[in-house]
Protein backbone atom coordinates (compact mmCIF):
# COMPACT_ATOMS: atom_id res chain seq x y z
CA UNK A 1 72.34 189.86 130.73
CA UNK A 2 71.50 190.79 133.85
CA UNK A 3 69.02 188.29 136.64
CA UNK A 4 68.39 189.43 139.71
CA UNK A 5 67.90 185.64 141.53
CA UNK A 6 66.08 186.04 144.77
CA UNK A 7 66.64 183.57 147.50
CA UNK A 8 63.04 181.28 148.12
CA UNK A 9 62.39 179.43 151.68
CA UNK A 10 59.85 176.43 150.24
CA UNK A 11 57.31 175.64 152.80
CA UNK A 12 55.10 173.15 152.59
CA UNK A 13 52.67 171.53 154.49
CA UNK A 14 52.46 167.65 154.86
CA UNK A 15 49.51 165.94 153.20
CA UNK A 16 48.18 169.32 151.42
CA UNK A 17 49.07 170.67 147.90
CA UNK A 18 52.33 172.40 146.98
CA UNK A 19 51.97 174.70 143.96
CA UNK A 20 53.71 177.97 143.16
CA UNK A 21 54.61 179.96 140.43
CA UNK A 22 58.40 181.64 139.77
CA UNK A 23 58.85 184.29 136.60
CA UNK A 24 61.78 184.29 134.94
CA UNK A 25 62.87 187.71 133.64
CA UNK A 26 66.44 188.88 132.17
CA UNK A 27 65.82 193.31 131.54
CA UNK A 28 62.08 192.99 132.12
CA UNK A 29 61.90 190.79 129.39
CA UNK A 30 61.05 187.00 130.20
CA UNK A 31 62.97 184.10 129.54
CA UNK A 32 62.60 180.38 129.79
CA UNK A 33 64.78 177.45 129.39
CA UNK A 34 65.86 174.56 127.37
CA UNK A 35 64.68 172.52 130.56
CA UNK A 36 64.73 172.85 134.00
CA UNK A 37 63.84 170.82 137.23
CA UNK A 38 64.21 171.66 140.86
CA UNK A 39 66.20 169.26 142.66
CA UNK A 40 65.85 168.52 146.87
CA UNK A 41 67.85 167.09 148.97
CA UNK A 42 66.15 166.17 152.47
CA UNK A 43 69.05 166.30 155.46
CA UNK A 44 67.55 162.86 156.44
CA UNK A 45 66.02 161.22 152.82
CA UNK A 46 66.39 160.07 149.25
CA UNK A 47 66.24 163.15 146.79
CA UNK A 48 62.91 164.83 145.63
CA UNK A 49 62.88 165.64 141.57
CA UNK A 50 59.98 168.25 140.97
CA UNK A 51 60.58 168.66 136.61
CA UNK A 52 58.89 168.63 133.51
CA UNK A 53 58.68 165.04 132.68
CA UNK A 54 57.25 164.39 135.96
CA UNK A 55 54.71 167.14 136.12
CA UNK A 56 55.97 168.90 138.87
CA UNK A 57 57.24 171.90 137.84
CA UNK A 58 56.06 173.21 134.16
CA UNK A 59 57.02 175.22 131.32
CA UNK A 60 53.27 177.51 130.92
CA UNK A 61 54.67 180.22 129.57
CA UNK A 62 57.20 182.74 128.07
CA UNK A 63 59.15 182.74 131.41
CA UNK A 64 56.55 181.49 133.55
CA UNK A 65 56.66 177.85 135.59
CA UNK A 66 54.12 176.26 137.66
CA UNK A 67 55.15 173.91 140.82
CA UNK A 68 52.53 172.04 141.31
CA UNK A 69 52.86 168.75 144.14
CA UNK A 70 49.79 167.06 145.20
CA UNK A 71 49.45 166.04 148.49
CA UNK A 72 49.81 162.23 148.33
CA UNK A 73 52.94 163.30 146.97
CA UNK A 74 53.60 165.88 150.61
CA UNK A 75 52.28 163.24 152.87
CA UNK A 76 54.75 160.88 152.03
CA UNK A 77 57.49 163.47 152.46
CA UNK A 78 59.12 161.99 155.91
CA UNK A 79 61.80 164.82 156.44
CA UNK A 80 61.01 168.23 157.52
CA UNK A 81 63.91 169.85 156.20
CA UNK A 82 66.43 170.76 152.68
CA UNK A 83 68.18 171.96 150.13
CA UNK A 84 66.77 173.26 146.55
CA UNK A 85 68.50 173.84 143.29
CA UNK A 86 67.76 174.78 140.48
CA UNK A 87 69.57 172.68 137.72
CA UNK A 88 68.62 174.45 134.21
CA UNK A 89 69.69 174.67 130.28
CA UNK A 90 69.49 178.04 127.98
CA UNK A 91 70.23 177.80 124.89
CA UNK A 92 71.90 174.93 125.26
CA UNK A 93 74.34 175.61 127.67
CA UNK A 94 73.96 173.83 131.29
CA UNK A 95 73.46 175.89 134.69
CA UNK A 96 73.30 173.68 137.67
CA UNK A 97 72.20 175.35 140.88
CA UNK A 98 70.82 178.93 138.94
CA UNK A 99 68.90 179.39 142.10
CA UNK A 100 69.44 177.59 145.62
CA UNK A 101 67.37 177.78 148.55
CA UNK A 102 65.80 176.25 151.43
CA UNK A 103 62.34 173.98 152.23
CA UNK A 104 60.33 173.16 155.30
CA UNK A 105 57.69 170.64 156.33
CA UNK A 106 55.31 171.01 158.48
């Protein structure tokens, strides 16, 4: 199995809804995870989690995940920079930090 993992910098406008779609493929075929959570660790704030459990990172189709964060939450982000990681479980195997990147809030 080969997985191409691009680097992604998330850019959020404070006080505005944020949305994005992530698609996961291996050898040309889409795949989904048993579970997945996008964890954000601000440099000067508390950890933020986007997951299916809180409705912010949802598996909408095979291999397709939608991020939806409302403006009320982005308004509350007092930080401007963070690192993020995607923690996943696939075929029963945990893979913390499957992807990583940076988040900027302006």
